[in-house]
Structures are given as structure tokens and as C-alpha cells.
Amino acid sequence: MNASTVNVNSTFDPASFGKVGVLFGGRSAERDVSIMSGTGVLNALRSRGVDAHAFDPGTQSLAELAEQRFDRVFIALHGRYGEDGSLQGALEQLGIPYTGSGVMASSVGMDKITTKKIWKMDEIPTPDYVQIDPSTDLDEVLVSLGLPMIVKPPLEGSTIGITKVNKADELKAAVDLAIGFDPVVLAEEFVTGREFTVAVLGTGKTARALPIVEIVAPEGNYDYQNKYFTDDTKYHCPAPLDPALAEEIQRHAVNAYRALGCEGWGRIDVLVRQEDMRPFLLEVNTSPGMTSHSLVPMAARAVGISYEDLCLEILASARLKMARVKE
């Protein structure tokens, strides 16, 4: 599972891709980040001679998407309506091959609670959690998880709506914040330790992990600002880890990716507990960021894959995931 197993074919014929749509922007809370990702992808594909065109589902309709007659699309959308299976379903209906995971894997991967249920069934290590709705007794949540804990909306990304709860009297405000995004809230055991992420490329048995990235944020706070708009967060790739632990983390990441049926590409976020160096998987991103601060391009560079080649490799994997019924 080490980096040496990753092979990249950078000899794609740009004309073979046909007319390509790069979908970015959208209507989610991560619109601004998506615009940065999509602009990077669009410029990279054009620099390699691909006939690539921008398309924003946040301002343009599905009818307009159909009228463009794209031969395939690169999804650079993040969050709701782009990463959650809804757009993937529309593309299946329109018969337009697309990058990344299909309808089911995108939908499940977007829902952190459902993801954790599947991972626990497959014995993939993930922090304990409690699902909270308006009728939940918060005192019981405190007893179950202890403090500190993390409270987050399960259908958002980019740390939107997330709170670290250190005191019991902070829990209600944290739940109220998260419930403003989703009707059901995820409360999760807080794991003290080091933060990592693992990019995965491929599908099924061919899925493989790229080198692990360690994230060292100011005061351990890897929030929206520190993710995208400052240079204060430090990244180490390949992460300085014992080789056996690194291989274990990569193995868990690939198994977690396969368990959800992900394909094309994705990124798994991981915490390694300080007291015993045990890894815990947090969530999967089925349409990861492609900005100047993003971690999948960083991991790819560590094995000699340029940003442009990464975009081509992902674009080449675009396909329809559902069986087509012959008329």
C-alpha cells in the first residue's frame, strides 16, 4: 500500500475526452471553495489541451447542462447538491459520464452518521458517537461520550457548523448551531492526537492510497479559515510516521473507501490517538478540494504526480455507474 505502488499514465490524448464540463460553484455552503477548486481544474485541463468548459449548477439549470452536450464532466462541487448523490443521479439520467463516486456512495459518504454505521459494521475504527435530534436527552449524551466531544452537522463539510464542546453547559449551544444546518446532529467522542488525511485513487480492488499527509494547524484548530485562507497550517507529506503505522492507516483508509463503494478518487480524514497511536477514521470526502491549499494534489506531488496529471487521471476515470437498459 505504499506510494511506490501508484502508477500514473500522463499520455492521455486530450481529444479523446471530447467536450468536457467542469462543474463547480453550486448552491452549498462550500460554494466559494468549490469555485476555487473548479477554477484550478479548468485551467489545468485547458493547459493540457482538453476542450474544457465551466458550468455552474448554482446559476445554470439541468436543461442548460443537457444542452451543452458534454461528453463527460469533472465534478469539482463540494457539499450539498454536488457531492451528495443528487447531481450524480441527474447525470445518470442525462447519460453524461462523470468523475468520482456514484449516487449511492456519494449519498452515504456525505452523511457522516450513515458512514460511521457502515464502518462500525465492517470493524473499521472510528470514534464512538451519538445521534442527536430535538428529543434527545443531552445529559445522556454527556454520560455516553464524556468531555470533550465534537458536535457537527452530519451533512456539511469544510468544518462548517462544528463545535468542540469542553464543558457541559456548552453542549446545547453546539447542538443548536449544528441543527441550524441539519435536523439530526452528530456528537462524536473527541480523540486527542495527531491529524492526518489519506487520498485514495481508483475503484474496487484497484483502489490505492497516496502518501499520508499530516496536518498541523495553529493550536490544533483546523477550521475553515485555516483550511483555505491562511498559511499558518503546516503540512507534512509523506507524514513522519513509523512505516508499519503508516501502512495500517493506508489499509484502513482503502478499506473504508471500498466499504462505502467509493470510486475514482476520495480522501479519508484520520486521527491517531496520542496515548496509544491507534488510528480512528472520521469521514470520507468523495469530491475533495482541488485548491492551492488542498491535500489530494499535495499527496499526489509526493509521488511525482503533477496537478495537471492528477486532473487528467481523474477525468479519465469518468463513467456512468448505473447499468444502461437497452431500448
C-alpha atoms as a PDB file:
ATOM      1  CA  MET A   1       0.000   0.000   0.000  1.00  0.00           C
ATOM      2  CA  ASN A   2       2.988   2.307  -0.184  1.00  0.00           C
ATOM      3  CA  ALA A   3       3.493   5.187  -2.586  1.00  0.00           C
ATOM      4  CA  SER A   4       5.633   3.131  -4.951  1.00  0.00           C
ATOM      5  CA  THR A   5       2.546   1.162  -5.999  1.00  0.00           C
ATOM      6  CA  VAL A   6       0.915   4.266  -7.511  1.00  0.00           C
ATOM      7  CA  ASN A   7       1.221   4.461 -11.278  1.00  0.00           C
ATOM      8  CA  VAL A   8       0.123   7.394 -13.393  1.00  0.00           C
ATOM      9  CA  ASN A   9      -0.492   7.446 -17.121  1.00  0.00           C
ATOM     10  CA  SER A  10       0.141  11.001 -18.298  1.00  0.00           C
ATOM     11  CA  THR A  11      -0.061  10.106 -22.017  1.00  0.00           C
ATOM     12  CA  PHE A  12      -3.793  10.738 -22.470  1.00  0.00           C
ATOM     13  CA  ASP A  13      -4.867  12.115 -25.831  1.00  0.00           C
ATOM     14  CA  PRO A  14      -6.743  15.360 -24.963  1.00  0.00           C
ATOM     15  CA  ALA A  15      -9.037  14.932 -27.961  1.00  0.00           C
ATOM     16  CA  SER A  16     -10.214  11.554 -26.622  1.00  0.00           C
ATOM     17  CA  PHE A  17     -12.056  13.270 -23.779  1.00  0.00           C
ATOM     18  CA  GLY A  18     -14.278  15.212 -26.170  1.00  0.00           C
ATOM     19  CA  LYS A  19     -16.130  18.233 -24.841  1.00  0.00           C
ATOM     20  CA  VAL A  20     -15.628  18.355 -21.066  1.00  0.00           C
ATOM     21  CA  GLY A  21     -17.669  20.227 -18.499  1.00  0.00           C
ATOM     22  CA  VAL A  22     -16.061  21.262 -15.212  1.00  0.00           C
ATOM     23  CA  LEU A  23     -18.875  21.580 -12.692  1.00  0.00           C
ATOM     24  CA  PHE A  24     -18.172  23.990  -9.851  1.00  0.00           C
ATOM     25  CA  GLY A  25     -19.832  26.622  -7.705  1.00  0.00           C
ATOM     26  CA  GLY A  26     -23.201  25.126  -6.867  1.00  0.00           C
ATOM     27  CA  ARG A  27     -25.588  26.058  -4.054  1.00  0.00           C
ATOM     28  CA  SER A  28     -23.953  24.600  -0.954  1.00  0.00           C
ATOM     29  CA  ALA A  29     -22.283  26.401   1.932  1.00  0.00           C
ATOM     30  CA  GLU A  30     -18.980  25.379   0.294  1.00  0.00           C
ATOM     31  CA  ARG A  31     -19.659  27.319  -2.917  1.00  0.00           C
ATOM     32  CA  ASP A  32     -16.638  29.619  -2.563  1.00  0.00           C
ATOM     33  CA  VAL A  33     -14.253  26.712  -2.047  1.00  0.00           C
ATOM     34  CA  SER A  34     -15.795  24.881  -4.993  1.00  0.00           C
ATOM     35  CA  ILE A  35     -15.185  27.875  -7.237  1.00  0.00           C
ATOM     36  CA  MET A  36     -11.502  27.810  -6.265  1.00  0.00           C
ATOM     37  CA  SER A  37     -11.297  24.056  -6.880  1.00  0.00           C
ATOM     38  CA  GLY A  38     -13.106  24.192 -10.197  1.00  0.00           C
ATOM     39  CA  THR A  39     -11.103  27.123 -11.496  1.00  0.00           C
ATOM     40  CA  GLY A  40      -7.898  25.206 -10.776  1.00  0.00           C
ATOM     41  CA  VAL A  41      -9.178  22.074 -12.527  1.00  0.00           C
ATOM     42  CA  LEU A  42     -10.471  24.046 -15.519  1.00  0.00           C
ATOM     43  CA  ASN A  43      -7.154  25.808 -16.033  1.00  0.00           C
ATOM     44  CA  ALA A  44      -5.199  22.559 -15.599  1.00  0.00           C
ATOM     45  CA  LEU A  45      -7.255  20.690 -18.191  1.00  0.00           C
ATOM     46  CA  ARG A  46      -7.078  23.548 -20.678  1.00  0.00           C
ATOM     47  CA  SER A  47      -3.306  23.746 -20.203  1.00  0.00           C
ATOM     48  CA  ARG A  48      -3.123  20.131 -21.405  1.00  0.00           C
ATOM     49  CA  GLY A  49      -5.230  20.779 -24.487  1.00  0.00           C
ATOM     50  CA  VAL A  50      -8.570  19.464 -23.173  1.00  0.00           C
ATOM     51  CA  ASP A  51     -11.688  21.146 -24.565  1.00  0.00           C
ATOM     52  CA  ALA A  52     -12.901  22.091 -21.082  1.00  0.00           C
ATOM     53  CA  HIS A  53     -15.772  24.449 -20.238  1.00  0.00           C
ATOM     54  CA  ALA A  54     -17.009  25.902 -16.947  1.00  0.00           C
ATOM     55  CA  PHE A  55     -20.532  25.063 -15.776  1.00  0.00           C
ATOM     56  CA  ASP A  56     -22.089  26.322 -12.516  1.00  0.00           C
ATOM     57  CA  PRO A  57     -25.134  24.300 -11.366  1.00  0.00           C
ATOM     58  CA  GLY A  58     -25.791  27.072  -8.850  1.00  0.00           C
ATOM     59  CA  THR A  59     -26.700  29.529 -11.606  1.00  0.00           C
ATOM     60  CA  GLN A  60     -27.392  27.260 -14.587  1.00  0.00           C
ATOM     61  CA  SER A  61     -30.163  24.687 -14.929  1.00  0.00           C
ATOM     62  CA  LEU A  62     -30.070  20.987 -15.701  1.00  0.00           C
ATOM     63  CA  ALA A  63     -31.733  21.815 -19.011  1.00  0.00           C
ATOM     64  CA  GLU A  64     -28.753  24.029 -19.840  1.00  0.00           C
ATOM     65  CA  LEU A  65     -26.427  21.214 -18.792  1.00  0.00           C
ATOM     66  CA  ALA A  66     -28.147  18.860 -21.216  1.00  0.00           C
ATOM     67  CA  GLU A  67     -27.948  21.481 -23.988  1.00  0.00           C
ATOM     68  CA  GLN A  68     -24.155  21.683 -23.613  1.00  0.00           C
ATOM     69  CA  ARG A  69     -23.815  18.076 -24.833  1.00  0.00           C
ATOM     70  CA  PHE A  70     -20.744  17.373 -22.754  1.00  0.00           C
ATOM     71  CA  ASP A  71     -19.033  14.064 -23.460  1.00  0.00           C
ATOM     72  CA  ARG A  72     -18.019  13.855 -19.792  1.00  0.00           C
ATOM     73  CA  VAL A  73     -17.860  16.101 -16.734  1.00  0.00           C
ATOM     74  CA  PHE A  74     -15.399  16.663 -13.926  1.00  0.00           C
ATOM     75  CA  ILE A  75     -17.268  17.265 -10.670  1.00  0.00           C
ATOM     76  CA  ALA A  76     -15.484  19.907  -8.585  1.00  0.00           C
ATOM     77  CA  LEU A  77     -18.515  20.626  -6.411  1.00  0.00           C
ATOM     78  CA  HIS A  78     -18.384  20.275  -2.628  1.00  0.00           C
ATOM     79  CA  GLY A  79     -21.233  19.662  -0.209  1.00  0.00           C
ATOM     80  CA  ARG A  80     -24.953  19.514  -0.866  1.00  0.00           C
ATOM     81  CA  TYR A  81     -26.353  19.219  -4.384  1.00  0.00           C
ATOM     82  CA  GLY A  82     -22.957  18.273  -5.801  1.00  0.00           C
ATOM     83  CA  GLU A  83     -21.274  15.743  -3.530  1.00  0.00           C
ATOM     84  CA  ASP A  84     -24.374  14.099  -2.031  1.00  0.00           C
ATOM     85  CA  GLY A  85     -25.623  11.961  -4.922  1.00  0.00           C
ATOM     86  CA  SER A  86     -28.315  14.344  -6.187  1.00  0.00           C
ATOM     87  CA  LEU A  87     -26.279  15.680  -9.114  1.00  0.00           C
ATOM     88  CA  GLN A  88     -24.868  12.219  -9.778  1.00  0.00           C
ATOM     89  CA  GLY A  89     -28.439  10.971 -10.211  1.00  0.00           C
ATOM     90  CA  ALA A  90     -29.202  13.747 -12.676  1.00  0.00           C
ATOM     91  CA  LEU A  91     -26.063  12.941 -14.681  1.00  0.00           C
ATOM     92  CA  GLU A  92     -27.086   9.280 -14.808  1.00  0.00           C
ATOM     93  CA  GLN A  93     -30.483  10.341 -16.171  1.00  0.00           C
ATOM     94  CA  LEU A  94     -28.828  12.603 -18.745  1.00  0.00           C
ATOM     95  CA  GLY A  95     -26.337   9.899 -19.709  1.00  0.00           C
ATOM     96  CA  ILE A  96     -23.282  12.086 -19.055  1.00  0.00           C
ATOM     97  CA  PRO A  97     -20.231  10.210 -17.646  1.00  0.00           C
ATOM     98  CA  TYR A  98     -18.859  11.879 -14.513  1.00  0.00           C
ATOM     99  CA  THR A  99     -15.903  11.710 -12.174  1.00  0.00           C
ATOM    100  CA  GLY A 100     -15.958  10.369  -8.643  1.00  0.00           C
ATOM    101  CA  SER A 101     -18.383   8.136  -6.814  1.00  0.00           C
ATOM    102  CA  GLY A 102     -21.858   7.155  -7.931  1.00  0.00           C
ATOM    103  CA  VAL A 103     -25.250   8.031  -6.498  1.00  0.00           C
ATOM    104  CA  MET A 104     -25.248   5.651  -3.533  1.00  0.00           C
ATOM    105  CA  ALA A 105     -21.635   6.092  -2.425  1.00  0.00           C
ATOM    106  CA  SER A 106     -21.882   9.871  -2.775  1.00  0.00           C
ATOM    107  CA  SER A 107     -25.066   9.977  -0.712  1.00  0.00           C
ATOM    108  CA  VAL A 108     -23.749   7.666   2.007  1.00  0.00           C
ATOM    109  CA  GLY A 109     -20.334   9.335   2.115  1.00  0.00           C
ATOM    110  CA  MET A 110     -21.944  12.749   2.551  1.00  0.00           C
ATOM    111  CA  ASP A 111     -23.838  11.524   5.628  1.00  0.00           C
ATOM    112  CA  LYS A 112     -21.291  11.160   8.435  1.00  0.00           C
ATOM    113  CA  ILE A 113     -23.716   9.206  10.620  1.00  0.00           C
ATOM    114  CA  THR A 114     -24.515   6.598   7.965  1.00  0.00           C
ATOM    115  CA  THR A 115     -20.827   6.394   7.101  1.00  0.00           C
ATOM    116  CA  LYS A 116     -19.942   5.602  10.713  1.00  0.00           C
ATOM    117  CA  LYS A 117     -22.657   2.941  10.931  1.00  0.00           C
ATOM    118  CA  ILE A 118     -21.228   1.133   7.898  1.00  0.00           C
ATOM    119  CA  TRP A 119     -17.654   1.474   9.109  1.00  0.00           C
ATOM    120  CA  LYS A 120     -18.527   0.072  12.518  1.00  0.00           C
ATOM    121  CA  MET A 121     -20.238  -2.908  10.888  1.00  0.00           C
ATOM    122  CA  ASP A 122     -17.049  -3.502   8.884  1.00  0.00           C
ATOM    123  CA  GLU A 123     -14.896  -3.087  12.010  1.00  0.00           C
ATOM    124  CA  ILE A 124     -13.180  -0.005  10.629  1.00  0.00           C
ATOM    125  CA  PRO A 125     -12.001   2.080  13.598  1.00  0.00           C
ATOM    126  CA  THR A 126     -13.989   5.297  14.070  1.00  0.00           C
ATOM    127  CA  PRO A 127     -14.746   7.335  17.223  1.00  0.00           C
ATOM    128  CA  ASP A 128     -17.851   6.499  19.256  1.00  0.00           C
ATOM    129  CA  TYR A 129     -20.811   8.728  18.540  1.00  0.00           C
ATOM    130  CA  VAL A 130     -24.394   9.618  19.427  1.00  0.00           C
ATOM    131  CA  GLN A 131     -27.076  10.762  17.015  1.00  0.00           C
ATOM    132  CA  ILE A 132     -28.931  13.795  18.392  1.00  0.00           C
ATOM    133  CA  ASP A 133     -32.367  15.105  17.449  1.00  0.00           C
ATOM    134  CA  PRO A 134     -34.615  17.643  19.271  1.00  0.00           C
ATOM    135  CA  SER A 135     -35.971  14.913  21.572  1.00  0.00           C
ATOM    136  CA  THR A 136     -32.553  13.626  22.712  1.00  0.00           C
ATOM    137  CA  ASP A 137     -31.640  13.922  26.407  1.00  0.00           C
ATOM    138  CA  LEU A 138     -28.364  15.863  26.310  1.00  0.00           C
ATOM    139  CA  ASP A 139     -27.422  14.682  29.805  1.00  0.00           C
ATOM    140  CA  GLU A 140     -27.392  11.128  28.462  1.00  0.00           C
ATOM    141  CA  VAL A 141     -25.128  12.239  25.609  1.00  0.00           C
ATOM    142  CA  LEU A 142     -22.687  13.661  28.156  1.00  0.00           C
ATOM    143  CA  VAL A 143     -22.691  10.398  30.096  1.00  0.00           C
ATOM    144  CA  SER A 144     -22.257   8.329  26.946  1.00  0.00           C
ATOM    145  CA  LEU A 145     -19.396  10.278  25.319  1.00  0.00           C
ATOM    146  CA  GLY A 146     -17.849  12.285  28.129  1.00  0.00           C
ATOM    147  CA  LEU A 147     -15.976  15.544  27.551  1.00  0.00           C
ATOM    148  CA  PRO A 148     -14.600  16.973  25.433  1.00  0.00           C
ATOM    149  CA  MET A 149     -16.707  15.972  22.435  1.00  0.00           C
ATOM    150  CA  ILE A 150     -17.218  17.192  18.887  1.00  0.00           C
ATOM    151  CA  VAL A 151     -20.662  18.277  17.670  1.00  0.00           C
ATOM    152  CA  LYS A 152     -21.257  18.713  13.954  1.00  0.00           C
ATOM    153  CA  PRO A 153     -23.978  18.698  11.267  1.00  0.00           C
ATOM    154  CA  PRO A 154     -23.598  15.328   9.516  1.00  0.00           C
ATOM    155  CA  LEU A 155     -24.272  16.636   6.005  1.00  0.00           C
ATOM    156  CA  GLU A 156     -21.878  19.587   5.929  1.00  0.00           C
ATOM    157  CA  GLY A 157     -18.161  19.728   5.174  1.00  0.00           C
ATOM    158  CA  SER A 158     -15.200  22.096   5.492  1.00  0.00           C
ATOM    159  CA  THR A 159     -15.738  22.194   9.303  1.00  0.00           C
ATOM    160  CA  ILE A 160     -18.951  24.212   8.817  1.00  0.00           C
ATOM    161  CA  GLY A 161     -21.161  24.210  11.923  1.00  0.00           C
ATOM    162  CA  ILE A 162     -18.684  22.215  14.022  1.00  0.00           C
ATOM    163  CA  THR A 163     -18.023  22.856  17.738  1.00  0.00           C
ATOM    164  CA  LYS A 164     -15.626  21.363  20.239  1.00  0.00           C
ATOM    165  CA  VAL A 165     -17.555  21.075  23.491  1.00  0.00           C
ATOM    166  CA  ASN A 166     -15.319  21.326  26.564  1.00  0.00           C
ATOM    167  CA  LYS A 167     -17.956  21.997  29.244  1.00  0.00           C
ATOM    168  CA  ALA A 168     -21.403  20.541  29.834  1.00  0.00           C
ATOM    169  CA  ASP A 169     -23.095  23.934  29.597  1.00  0.00           C
ATOM    170  CA  GLU A 170     -21.691  24.383  26.070  1.00  0.00           C
ATOM    171  CA  LEU A 171     -23.451  21.360  24.600  1.00  0.00           C
ATOM    172  CA  LYS A 172     -26.871  22.902  23.946  1.00  0.00           C
ATOM    173  CA  ALA A 173     -25.429  25.870  22.046  1.00  0.00           C
ATOM    174  CA  ALA A 174     -23.289  23.496  19.966  1.00  0.00           C
ATOM    175  CA  VAL A 175     -26.341  21.372  19.112  1.00  0.00           C
ATOM    176  CA  ASP A 176     -28.398  24.478  18.290  1.00  0.00           C
ATOM    177  CA  LEU A 177     -25.668  25.649  15.898  1.00  0.00           C
ATOM    178  CA  ALA A 178     -25.432  22.288  14.136  1.00  0.00           C
ATOM    179  CA  ILE A 179     -29.193  21.789  13.989  1.00  0.00           C
ATOM    180  CA  GLY A 180     -29.397  25.013  12.008  1.00  0.00           C
ATOM    181  CA  PHE A 181     -27.801  23.042   9.164  1.00  0.00           C
ATOM    182  CA  ASP A 182     -29.301  19.566   9.663  1.00  0.00           C
ATOM    183  CA  PRO A 183     -32.314  18.269  11.620  1.00  0.00           C
ATOM    184  CA  VAL A 184     -30.181  15.486  13.090  1.00  0.00           C
ATOM    185  CA  VAL A 185     -26.789  16.179  14.693  1.00  0.00           C
ATOM    186  CA  LEU A 186     -23.686  14.060  15.202  1.00  0.00           C
ATOM    187  CA  ALA A 187     -21.967  14.138  18.592  1.00  0.00           C
ATOM    188  CA  GLU A 188     -18.630  12.352  18.494  1.00  0.00           C
ATOM    189  CA  GLU A 189     -16.032  11.244  21.000  1.00  0.00           C
ATOM    190  CA  PHE A 190     -13.079  13.650  20.920  1.00  0.00           C
ATOM    191  CA  VAL A 191      -9.803  11.963  20.085  1.00  0.00           C
ATOM    192  CA  THR A 192      -6.691  13.759  21.276  1.00  0.00           C
ATOM    193  CA  GLY A 193      -3.774  13.192  18.961  1.00  0.00           C
ATOM    194  CA  ARG A 194      -2.330  13.880  15.527  1.00  0.00           C
ATOM    195  CA  GLU A 195      -4.400  14.702  12.456  1.00  0.00           C
ATOM    196  CA  PHE A 196      -3.880  13.072   9.065  1.00  0.00           C
ATOM    197  CA  THR A 197      -5.598  12.613   5.748  1.00  0.00           C
ATOM    198  CA  VAL A 198      -5.252   9.888   3.114  1.00  0.00           C
ATOM    199  CA  ALA A 199      -6.056  10.384  -0.558  1.00  0.00           C
ATOM    200  CA  VAL A 200      -7.310   7.310  -2.402  1.00  0.00           C
ATOM    201  CA  LEU A 201      -7.388   6.827  -6.173  1.00  0.00           C
ATOM    202  CA  GLY A 202      -9.089   4.082  -8.151  1.00  0.00           C
ATOM    203  CA  THR A 203     -12.015   1.731  -7.805  1.00  0.00           C
ATOM    204  CA  GLY A 204     -12.600  -1.571  -6.024  1.00  0.00           C
ATOM    205  CA  LYS A 205      -9.558  -3.823  -5.996  1.00  0.00           C
ATOM    206  CA  THR A 206      -7.535  -1.209  -7.888  1.00  0.00           C
ATOM    207  CA  ALA A 207      -8.063   1.475  -5.230  1.00  0.00           C
ATOM    208  CA  ARG A 208      -4.789   2.548  -3.671  1.00  0.00           C
ATOM    209  CA  ALA A 209      -3.643   5.106  -1.123  1.00  0.00           C
ATOM    210  CA  LEU A 210      -1.353   8.035  -1.834  1.00  0.00           C
ATOM    211  CA  PRO A 211       1.190   9.143   0.790  1.00  0.00           C
ATOM    212  CA  ILE A 212      -0.337  10.270   4.068  1.00  0.00           C
ATOM    213  CA  VAL A 213      -0.485  13.998   4.849  1.00  0.00           C
ATOM    214  CA  GLU A 214      -0.124  15.189   8.440  1.00  0.00           C
ATOM    215  CA  ILE A 215      -1.975  18.404   9.272  1.00  0.00           C
ATOM    216  CA  VAL A 216      -0.539  20.640  11.991  1.00  0.00           C
ATOM    217  CA  ALA A 217      -2.956  23.532  12.496  1.00  0.00           C
ATOM    218  CA  PRO A 218      -2.460  26.524  14.816  1.00  0.00           C
ATOM    219  CA  GLU A 219      -3.470  25.379  18.328  1.00  0.00           C
ATOM    220  CA  GLY A 220      -4.872  22.238  16.720  1.00  0.00           C
ATOM    221  CA  ASN A 221      -7.714  24.230  15.146  1.00  0.00           C
ATOM    222  CA  TYR A 222      -8.098  23.085  11.540  1.00  0.00           C
ATOM    223  CA  ASP A 223     -11.116  25.302  10.847  1.00  0.00           C
ATOM    224  CA  TYR A 224     -12.471  26.840   7.632  1.00  0.00           C
ATOM    225  CA  GLN A 225     -10.049  29.771   7.752  1.00  0.00           C
ATOM    226  CA  ASN A 226      -7.005  27.606   8.469  1.00  0.00           C
ATOM    227  CA  LYS A 227      -8.004  25.153   5.744  1.00  0.00           C
ATOM    228  CA  TYR A 228      -8.313  27.554   2.871  1.00  0.00           C
ATOM    229  CA  PHE A 229      -7.176  31.086   3.569  1.00  0.00           C
ATOM    230  CA  THR A 230      -4.036  31.159   5.713  1.00  0.00           C
ATOM    231  CA  ASP A 231      -0.521  29.830   5.524  1.00  0.00           C
ATOM    232  CA  ASP A 232      -0.344  29.141   9.269  1.00  0.00           C
ATOM    233  CA  THR A 233      -1.307  25.476   8.972  1.00  0.00           C
ATOM    234  CA  LYS A 234       1.666  23.202   8.307  1.00  0.00           C
ATOM    235  CA  TYR A 235       1.531  20.041   6.234  1.00  0.00           C
ATOM    236  CA  HIS A 236       3.973  17.143   6.206  1.00  0.00           C
ATOM    237  CA  CYS A 237       3.850  14.737   3.277  1.00  0.00           C
ATOM    238  CA  PRO A 238       4.754  11.960   3.486  1.00  0.00           C
ATOM    239  CA  ALA A 239       3.769  12.140   7.145  1.00  0.00           C
ATOM    240  CA  PRO A 240       6.537  11.322   9.632  1.00  0.00           C
ATOM    241  CA  LEU A 241       5.171   8.003  10.871  1.00  0.00           C
ATOM    242  CA  ASP A 242       6.511   4.585  11.697  1.00  0.00           C
ATOM    243  CA  PRO A 243       6.237   2.636   8.403  1.00  0.00           C
ATOM    244  CA  ALA A 244       4.074  -0.065   9.968  1.00  0.00           C
ATOM    245  CA  LEU A 245       1.620   2.521  11.345  1.00  0.00           C
ATOM    246  CA  ALA A 246       1.561   4.369   8.020  1.00  0.00           C
ATOM    247  CA  GLU A 247       0.720   1.149   6.201  1.00  0.00           C
ATOM    248  CA  GLU A 248      -2.005   0.362   8.754  1.00  0.00           C
ATOM    249  CA  ILE A 249      -3.591   3.805   8.257  1.00  0.00           C
ATOM    250  CA  GLN A 250      -3.474   3.459   4.472  1.00  0.00           C
ATOM    251  CA  ARG A 251      -5.013  -0.015   4.686  1.00  0.00           C
ATOM    252  CA  HIS A 252      -7.875   1.257   6.868  1.00  0.00           C
ATOM    253  CA  ALA A 253      -8.433   4.186   4.501  1.00  0.00           C
ATOM    254  CA  VAL A 254      -8.674   1.987   1.422  1.00  0.00           C
ATOM    255  CA  ASN A 255     -10.962  -0.482   3.224  1.00  0.00           C
ATOM    256  CA  ALA A 256     -13.174   2.395   4.383  1.00  0.00           C
ATOM    257  CA  TYR A 257     -13.332   3.768   0.831  1.00  0.00           C
ATOM    258  CA  ARG A 258     -14.253   0.356  -0.561  1.00  0.00           C
ATOM    259  CA  ALA A 259     -16.809  -0.276   2.178  1.00  0.00           C
ATOM    260  CA  LEU A 260     -18.836   2.711   1.006  1.00  0.00           C
ATOM    261  CA  GLY A 261     -18.446   1.797  -2.672  1.00  0.00           C
ATOM    262  CA  CYS A 262     -16.435   4.914  -3.484  1.00  0.00           C
ATOM    263  CA  GLU A 263     -14.628   5.181  -6.793  1.00  0.00           C
ATOM    264  CA  GLY A 264     -12.445   7.436  -8.883  1.00  0.00           C
ATOM    265  CA  TRP A 265     -10.938   9.380  -6.035  1.00  0.00           C
ATOM    266  CA  GLY A 266     -11.593  10.442  -2.475  1.00  0.00           C
ATOM    267  CA  ARG A 267      -9.979  11.451   0.788  1.00  0.00           C
ATOM    268  CA  ILE A 268     -10.273   9.915   4.254  1.00  0.00           C
ATOM    269  CA  ASP A 269      -9.641  12.025   7.366  1.00  0.00           C
ATOM    270  CA  VAL A 270      -7.909  10.247  10.252  1.00  0.00           C
ATOM    271  CA  LEU A 271      -6.906  10.965  13.850  1.00  0.00           C
ATOM    272  CA  VAL A 272      -4.193   8.978  15.620  1.00  0.00           C
ATOM    273  CA  ARG A 273      -4.758   8.884  19.369  1.00  0.00           C
ATOM    274  CA  GLN A 274      -1.813  10.234  21.277  1.00  0.00           C
ATOM    275  CA  GLU A 275      -1.908   7.773  24.170  1.00  0.00           C
ATOM    276  CA  ASP A 276      -1.667   4.570  22.145  1.00  0.00           C
ATOM    277  CA  MET A 277      -1.091   5.663  18.494  1.00  0.00           C
ATOM    278  CA  ARG A 278      -4.339   3.973  17.466  1.00  0.00           C
ATOM    279  CA  PRO A 279      -5.910   5.390  14.263  1.00  0.00           C
ATOM    280  CA  PHE A 280      -9.558   6.473  14.079  1.00  0.00           C
ATOM    281  CA  LEU A 281     -11.236   7.342  10.778  1.00  0.00           C
ATOM    282  CA  LEU A 282     -13.516  10.379  10.841  1.00  0.00           C
ATOM    283  CA  GLU A 283     -15.128  10.833   7.432  1.00  0.00           C
ATOM    284  CA  VAL A 284     -14.743  10.445   3.684  1.00  0.00           C
ATOM    285  CA  ASN A 285     -14.737  13.210   1.097  1.00  0.00           C
ATOM    286  CA  THR A 286     -15.974  11.904  -2.259  1.00  0.00           C
ATOM    287  CA  SER A 287     -15.287  15.193  -4.081  1.00  0.00           C
ATOM    288  CA  PRO A 288     -12.185  16.537  -2.319  1.00  0.00           C
ATOM    289  CA  GLY A 289     -10.835  20.057  -2.645  1.00  0.00           C
ATOM    290  CA  MET A 290      -8.547  20.970  -5.527  1.00  0.00           C
ATOM    291  CA  THR A 291      -7.494  24.430  -4.337  1.00  0.00           C
ATOM    292  CA  SER A 292      -3.933  25.682  -3.812  1.00  0.00           C
ATOM    293  CA  HIS A 293      -4.198  24.501  -0.181  1.00  0.00           C
ATOM    294  CA  SER A 294      -5.836  21.149  -0.962  1.00  0.00           C
ATOM    295  CA  LEU A 295      -4.431  17.873   0.244  1.00  0.00           C
ATOM    296  CA  VAL A 296      -5.069  15.418  -2.598  1.00  0.00           C
ATOM    297  CA  PRO A 297      -2.827  17.385  -5.001  1.00  0.00           C
ATOM    298  CA  MET A 298      -0.236  17.612  -2.212  1.00  0.00           C
ATOM    299  CA  ALA A 299      -0.226  13.841  -1.740  1.00  0.00           C
ATOM    300  CA  ALA A 300      -0.018  13.320  -5.496  1.00  0.00           C
ATOM    301  CA  ARG A 301       3.004  15.598  -5.789  1.00  0.00           C
ATOM    302  CA  ALA A 302       4.800  13.436  -3.223  1.00  0.00           C
ATOM    303  CA  VAL A 303       4.843  10.602  -5.767  1.00  0.00           C
ATOM    304  CA  GLY A 304       5.626  12.788  -8.746  1.00  0.00           C
ATOM    305  CA  ILE A 305       2.074  13.369  -9.994  1.00  0.00           C
ATOM    306  CA  SER A 306       1.629  16.984 -11.075  1.00  0.00           C
ATOM    307  CA  TYR A 307      -1.645  18.837 -10.506  1.00  0.00           C
ATOM    308  CA  GLU A 308      -2.345  18.703 -14.244  1.00  0.00           C
ATOM    309  CA  ASP A 309      -1.661  14.950 -14.472  1.00  0.00           C
ATOM    310  CA  LEU A 310      -3.863  14.347 -11.432  1.00  0.00           C
ATOM    311  CA  CYS A 311      -6.739  16.187 -13.108  1.00  0.00           C
ATOM    312  CA  LEU A 312      -6.257  14.137 -16.284  1.00  0.00           C
ATOM    313  CA  GLU A 313      -6.131  10.883 -14.317  1.00  0.00           C
ATOM    314  CA  ILE A 314      -9.380  11.713 -12.520  1.00  0.00           C
ATOM    315  CA  LEU A 315     -11.051  12.871 -15.735  1.00  0.00           C
ATOM    316  CA  ALA A 316     -10.056   9.637 -17.461  1.00  0.00           C
ATOM    317  CA  SER A 317     -11.969   7.673 -14.816  1.00  0.00           C
ATOM    318  CA  ALA A 318     -15.279   9.418 -15.578  1.00  0.00           C
ATOM    319  CA  ARG A 319     -18.077   6.992 -16.336  1.00  0.00           C
ATOM    320  CA  LEU A 320     -21.731   6.229 -15.783  1.00  0.00           C
ATOM    321  CA  LYS A 321     -22.090   3.939 -12.781  1.00  0.00           C
ATOM    322  CA  MET A 322     -25.568   2.513 -13.384  1.00  0.00           C
ATOM    323  CA  ALA A 323     -26.216  -0.216 -15.923  1.00  0.00           C
ATOM    324  CA  ARG A 324     -27.863   1.179 -19.048  1.00  0.00           C
ATOM    325  CA  VAL A 325     -31.024  -0.561 -20.168  1.00  0.00           C
ATOM    326  CA  LYS A 326     -31.038  -1.154 -23.922  1.00  0.00           C
ATOM    327  CA  GLU A 327     -34.194   0.021 -25.600  1.00  0.00           C
END
